[in-house]
C-alpha atoms as a PDB file:
ATOM      1  CA  MET A   1      34.049-241.209 120.840  1.00  0.00           C
ATOM      2  CA  LYS A   2      36.355-244.256 120.973  1.00  0.00           C
ATOM      3  CA  HIS A   3      36.009-244.815 117.181  1.00  0.00           C
ATOM      4  CA  SER A   4      36.728-241.146 116.510  1.00  0.00           C
ATOM      5  CA  LEU A   5      39.883-241.306 118.620  1.00  0.00           C
ATOM      6  CA  LEU A   6      41.015-244.504 116.854  1.00  0.00           C
ATOM      7  CA  ARG A   7      40.372-242.921 113.438  1.00  0.00           C
ATOM      8  CA  LEU A   8      42.347-239.854 114.459  1.00  0.00           C
ATOM      9  CA  ILE A   9      45.262-241.998 115.649  1.00  0.00           C
ATOM     10  CA  ALA A  10      45.182-244.090 112.456  1.00  0.00           C
ATOM     11  CA  LEU A  11      45.081-240.932 110.290  1.00  0.00           C
ATOM     12  CA  THR A  12      47.933-239.409 112.269  1.00  0.00           C
ATOM     13  CA  ALA A  13      49.974-242.617 111.906  1.00  0.00           C
ATOM     14  CA  ALA A  14      49.359-242.662 108.146  1.00  0.00           C
ATOM     15  CA  LEU A  15      50.420-239.022 107.887  1.00  0.00           C
ATOM     16  CA  ALA A  16      53.539-239.755 109.943  1.00  0.00           C
ATOM     17  CA  LEU A  17      54.427-242.657 107.638  1.00  0.00           C
ATOM     18  CA  LEU A  18      53.946-240.435 104.602  1.00  0.00           C
ATOM     19  CA  LEU A  19      56.138-237.725 106.070  1.00  0.00           C
ATOM     20  CA  ALA A  20      58.753-240.269 107.122  1.00  0.00           C
ATOM     21  CA  GLY A  21      58.898-241.591 103.559  1.00  0.00           C
ATOM     22  CA  CYS A  22      59.547-238.091 102.233  1.00  0.00           C
ATOM     23  CA  GLY A  23      63.105-238.052 103.441  1.00  0.00           C
ATOM     24  CA  THR A  24      63.010-237.118 107.117  1.00  0.00           C
ATOM     25  CA  SER A  25      65.718-238.649 109.251  1.00  0.00           C
ATOM     26  CA  GLY A  26      65.541-239.936 112.802  1.00  0.00           C
ATOM     27  CA  THR A  27      62.182-240.468 114.413  1.00  0.00           C
ATOM     28  CA  THR A  28      59.189-238.258 113.888  1.00  0.00           C
ATOM     29  CA  GLU A  29      56.772-237.319 116.619  1.00  0.00           C
ATOM     30  CA  VAL A  30      53.425-236.109 115.352  1.00  0.00           C
ATOM     31  CA  PRO A  31      51.095-234.514 117.876  1.00  0.00           C
ATOM     32  CA  THR A  32      47.437-235.438 117.743  1.00  0.00           C
ATOM     33  CA  MET A  33      44.333-233.574 118.791  1.00  0.00           C
ATOM     34  CA  ALA A  34      43.873-235.816 121.833  1.00  0.00           C
ATOM     35  CA  PRO A  35      45.926-234.528 124.791  1.00  0.00           C
ATOM     36  CA  GLY A  36      48.869-236.685 125.763  1.00  0.00           C
ATOM     37  CA  VAL A  37      48.725-238.989 122.674  1.00  0.00           C
ATOM     38  CA  ALA A  38      51.601-239.003 120.166  1.00  0.00           C
ATOM     39  CA  VAL A  39      52.786-241.468 117.558  1.00  0.00           C
ATOM     40  CA  THR A  40      56.479-242.169 117.010  1.00  0.00           C
ATOM     41  CA  VAL A  41      57.475-243.663 113.662  1.00  0.00           C
ATOM     42  CA  ALA A  42      60.897-244.809 112.460  1.00  0.00           C
ATOM     43  CA  PRO A  43      61.943-243.467 109.044  1.00  0.00           C
ATOM     44  CA  ALA A  44      61.251-245.640 106.017  1.00  0.00           C
ATOM     45  CA  THR A  45      64.237-247.293 104.373  1.00  0.00           C
ATOM     46  CA  PRO A  46      64.354-247.901 100.634  1.00  0.00           C
ATOM     47  CA  THR A  47      64.288-251.547  99.632  1.00  0.00           C
ATOM     48  CA  SER A  48      65.450-251.385  96.007  1.00  0.00           C
ATOM     49  CA  ALA A  49      66.109-249.030  93.117  1.00  0.00           C
ATOM     50  CA  PRO A  50      63.116-248.079  90.979  1.00  0.00           C
ATOM     51  CA  THR A  51      62.578-250.156  87.869  1.00  0.00           C
ATOM     52  CA  PRO A  52      62.892-248.173  84.608  1.00  0.00           C
ATOM     53  CA  THR A  53      59.799-248.083  82.443  1.00  0.00           C
ATOM     54  CA  THR A  54      59.383-247.571  78.731  1.00  0.00           C
ATOM     55  CA  ALA A  55      57.154-244.993  77.136  1.00  0.00           C
ATOM     56  CA  PRO A  56      53.932-246.295  75.635  1.00  0.00           C
ATOM     57  CA  SER A  57      54.005-246.806  71.907  1.00  0.00           C
ATOM     58  CA  PRO A  58      52.269-244.127  69.835  1.00  0.00           C
ATOM     59  CA  SER A  59      48.728-244.805  68.747  1.00  0.00           C
ATOM     60  CA  ASN A  60      46.756-243.711  65.734  1.00  0.00           C
ATOM     61  CA  ALA A  61      44.493-241.573  67.913  1.00  0.00           C
ATOM     62  CA  PRO A  62      44.596-237.851  67.075  1.00  0.00           C
ATOM     63  CA  VAL A  63      46.525-235.649  69.470  1.00  0.00           C
ATOM     64  CA  ALA A  64      44.996-232.383  70.642  1.00  0.00           C
ATOM     65  CA  SER A  65      46.858-229.277  69.514  1.00  0.00           C
ATOM     66  CA  GLN A  66      48.802-227.568  72.233  1.00  0.00           C
ATOM     67  CA  ALA A  67      49.644-223.917  72.687  1.00  0.00           C
ATOM     68  CA  PRO A  68      52.681-223.231  70.489  1.00  0.00           C
ATOM     69  CA  SER A  69      55.033-221.967  73.144  1.00  0.00           C
ATOM     70  CA  GLY A  70      57.812-223.639  71.131  1.00  0.00           C
ATOM     71  CA  LEU A  71      56.774-222.030  67.821  1.00  0.00           C
ATOM     72  CA  GLY A  72      58.563-218.815  68.717  1.00  0.00           C
ATOM     73  CA  LEU A  73      56.575-216.344  66.626  1.00  0.00           C
ATOM     74  CA  SER A  74      58.401-213.351  68.117  1.00  0.00           C
ATOM     75  CA  GLY A  75      60.449-211.390  65.619  1.00  0.00           C
ATOM     76  CA  PRO A  76      60.109-210.226  62.017  1.00  0.00           C
ATOM     77  CA  TRP A  77      57.985-211.962  59.373  1.00  0.00           C
ATOM     78  CA  ASN A  78      57.860-210.975  55.689  1.00  0.00           C
ATOM     79  CA  GLY A  79      54.931-211.840  53.495  1.00  0.00           C
ATOM     80  CA  THR A  80      52.769-211.281  50.460  1.00  0.00           C
ATOM     81  CA  TRP A  81      49.052-210.620  50.065  1.00  0.00           C
ATOM     82  CA  GLN A  82      46.706-211.040  47.099  1.00  0.00           C
ATOM     83  CA  ASP A  83      43.121-209.747  46.900  1.00  0.00           C
ATOM     84  CA  THR A  84      40.539-212.237  45.682  1.00  0.00           C
ATOM     85  CA  SER A  85      37.701-209.706  45.952  1.00  0.00           C
ATOM     86  CA  PRO A  86      36.689-207.089  44.763  1.00  0.00           C
ATOM     87  CA  ASP A  87      39.839-206.958  42.571  1.00  0.00           C
ATOM     88  CA  THR A  88      43.188-208.730  42.297  1.00  0.00           C
ATOM     89  CA  SER A  89      45.492-206.155  43.908  1.00  0.00           C
ATOM     90  CA  SER A  90      48.611-207.547  45.542  1.00  0.00           C
ATOM     91  CA  GLY A  91      51.549-206.436  47.616  1.00  0.00           C
ATOM     92  CA  THR A  92      53.881-207.228  50.468  1.00  0.00           C
ATOM     93  CA  PHE A  93      53.890-206.763  54.219  1.00  0.00           C
ATOM     94  CA  ALA A  94      56.335-206.952  57.083  1.00  0.00           C
ATOM     95  CA  VAL A  95      55.073-207.716  60.577  1.00  0.00           C
ATOM     96  CA  THR A  96      57.069-207.934  63.797  1.00  0.00           C
ATOM     97  CA  PHE A  97      55.453-209.983  66.554  1.00  0.00           C
ATOM     98  CA  THR A  98      56.110-210.125  70.257  1.00  0.00           C
ATOM     99  CA  GLN A  99      54.681-213.353  71.673  1.00  0.00           C
ATOM    100  CA  THR A 100      53.693-213.672  75.326  1.00  0.00           C
ATOM    101  CA  GLY A 101      52.144-217.099  75.870  1.00  0.00           C
ATOM    102  CA  ASN A 102      49.298-217.302  73.330  1.00  0.00           C
ATOM    103  CA  ASN A 103      49.082-213.514  72.885  1.00  0.00           C
ATOM    104  CA  LEU A 104      50.665-211.568  70.044  1.00  0.00           C
ATOM    105  CA  SER A 105      51.382-207.858  69.685  1.00  0.00           C
ATOM    106  CA  GLY A 106      53.543-205.815  67.346  1.00  0.00           C
ATOM    107  CA  THR A 107      53.612-203.628  64.262  1.00  0.00           C
ATOM    108  CA  ILE A 108      52.917-204.106  60.564  1.00  0.00           C
ATOM    109  CA  THR A 109      53.910-202.264  57.377  1.00  0.00           C
ATOM    110  CA  VAL A 110      51.853-202.960  54.240  1.00  0.00           C
ATOM    111  CA  LYS A 111      52.939-202.088  50.682  1.00  0.00           C
ATOM    112  CA  GLY A 112      50.755-202.091  47.580  1.00  0.00           C
ATOM    113  CA  THR A 113      47.660-200.411  49.026  1.00  0.00           C
ATOM    114  CA  PRO A 114      46.909-196.878  50.236  1.00  0.00           C
ATOM    115  CA  CYS A 115      44.232-198.246  52.597  1.00  0.00           C
ATOM    116  CA  LEU A 116      46.511-199.304  55.459  1.00  0.00           C
ATOM    117  CA  THR A 117      50.235-198.678  55.184  1.00  0.00           C
ATOM    118  CA  SER A 118      51.227-199.308  58.805  1.00  0.00           C
ATOM    119  CA  GLY A 119      49.598-200.055  62.112  1.00  0.00           C
ATOM    120  CA  ALA A 120      49.532-201.827  65.439  1.00  0.00           C
ATOM    121  CA  VAL A 121      48.952-205.588  65.555  1.00  0.00           C
ATOM    122  CA  THR A 122      47.313-207.701  68.261  1.00  0.00           C
ATOM    123  CA  GLY A 123      46.278-211.328  68.070  1.00  0.00           C
ATOM    124  CA  THR A 124      46.402-214.861  69.397  1.00  0.00           C
ATOM    125  CA  ILE A 125      47.951-218.191  68.540  1.00  0.00           C
ATOM    126  CA  THR A 126      46.221-221.410  69.593  1.00  0.00           C
ATOM    127  CA  GLY A 127      47.809-224.640  68.481  1.00  0.00           C
ATOM    128  CA  GLY A 128      48.742-224.034  64.858  1.00  0.00           C
ATOM    129  CA  THR A 129      45.980-221.435  64.333  1.00  0.00           C
ATOM    130  CA  ILE A 130      46.842-217.739  64.218  1.00  0.00           C
ATOM    131  CA  SER A 131      44.455-214.795  64.270  1.00  0.00           C
ATOM    132  CA  PHE A 132      45.547-211.170  64.351  1.00  0.00           C
ATOM    133  CA  GLY A 133      44.316-207.744  63.404  1.00  0.00           C
ATOM    134  CA  ALA A 134      46.105-204.684  62.090  1.00  0.00           C
ATOM    135  CA  VAL A 135      44.640-201.326  63.049  1.00  0.00           C
ATOM    136  CA  SER A 136      45.409-197.831  61.833  1.00  0.00           C
ATOM    137  CA  GLY A 137      42.806-195.191  62.690  1.00  0.00           C
ATOM    138  CA  ASN A 138      39.404-196.481  61.568  1.00  0.00           C
ATOM    139  CA  VAL A 139      40.901-199.135  59.278  1.00  0.00           C
ATOM    140  CA  THR A 140      41.178-202.732  60.509  1.00  0.00           C
ATOM    141  CA  ILE A 141      42.407-205.764  58.598  1.00  0.00           C
ATOM    142  CA  THR A 142      41.819-209.175  60.178  1.00  0.00           C
ATOM    143  CA  TYR A 143      44.133-212.055  59.364  1.00  0.00           C
ATOM    144  CA  ASP A 144      43.304-215.714  60.082  1.00  0.00           C
ATOM    145  CA  GLY A 145      45.494-218.651  59.204  1.00  0.00           C
ATOM    146  CA  SER A 146      47.777-221.464  60.202  1.00  0.00           C
ATOM    147  CA  VAL A 147      51.400-221.643  61.309  1.00  0.00           C
ATOM    148  CA  SER A 148      53.820-224.444  60.584  1.00  0.00           C
ATOM    149  CA  GLY A 149      57.441-223.957  61.589  1.00  0.00           C
ATOM    150  CA  SER A 150      58.743-220.720  60.101  1.00  0.00           C
ATOM    151  CA  LYS A 151      55.812-220.310  57.660  1.00  0.00           C
ATOM    152  CA  MET A 152      52.255-219.104  58.023  1.00  0.00           C
ATOM    153  CA  GLN A 153      49.397-218.533  55.597  1.00  0.00           C
ATOM    154  CA  GLY A 154      45.719-217.754  55.551  1.00  0.00           C
ATOM    155  CA  THR A 155      43.032-215.301  54.551  1.00  0.00           C
ATOM    156  CA  TYR A 156      42.323-211.671  55.375  1.00  0.00           C
ATOM    157  CA  ALA A 157      39.373-209.314  55.342  1.00  0.00           C
ATOM    158  CA  ALA A 158      39.445-205.518  55.161  1.00  0.00           C
ATOM    159  CA  PRO A 159      35.857-204.208  55.326  1.00  0.00           C
ATOM    160  CA  ALA A 160      36.950-200.535  55.377  1.00  0.00           C
ATOM    161  CA  CYS A 161      39.089-201.035  52.260  1.00  0.00           C
ATOM    162  CA  GLY A 162      36.343-201.652  49.700  1.00  0.00           C
ATOM    163  CA  ASN A 163      35.429-204.869  51.515  1.00  0.00           C
ATOM    164  CA  ALA A 164      38.674-206.415  50.260  1.00  0.00           C
ATOM    165  CA  LYS A 165      39.309-210.092  50.940  1.00  0.00           C
ATOM    166  CA  GLY A 166      42.203-212.279  49.968  1.00  0.00           C
ATOM    167  CA  ASN A 167      45.033-214.646  50.786  1.00  0.00           C
ATOM    168  CA  TRP A 168      48.326-214.037  52.547  1.00  0.00           C
ATOM    169  CA  SER A 169      51.492-215.941  53.404  1.00  0.00           C
ATOM    170  CA  ALA A 170      54.596-215.061  55.411  1.00  0.00           C
ATOM    171  CA  THR A 171      57.976-216.478  56.352  1.00  0.00           C
ATOM    172  CA  GLN A 172      59.893-215.759  59.531  1.00  0.00           C
ATOM    173  CA  SER A 173      62.972-213.662  58.810  1.00  0.00           C
END
């Protein structure tokens, strides 16, 4: 019982010191669980200004990709597409993204194919990797690629459009 009471008093004193160092003024009285026992602590006073530190020098270790909150994908993007299979059809597209965190939504207009001329877009961006799909009725085109600054590029697949596959690239407008 005596050790428990001493531990409680020591813990209360440590807490009082911590609270006093957090900018309280005057004295602080902290009640304890034991009746009639309180600890009074004078506020801490700073002894000197903090010493500035320098950032560590960069290393050659790879850095994990972060979510591209700074990429700013929201807004219009204009691009081109080129089938690599089953033919070599090509055309253009315009997509407008709204970015919320890592999630993308928006609309797309595709020229050069009767398969999908416009549709809704949803997708994600993780690090520099983008993945989105365009849907119109039963037709879906999936786009996968990479983003760097105001440019993105990658591949697409359109199973409902003759199993078309190809490459695409776009620039932010």
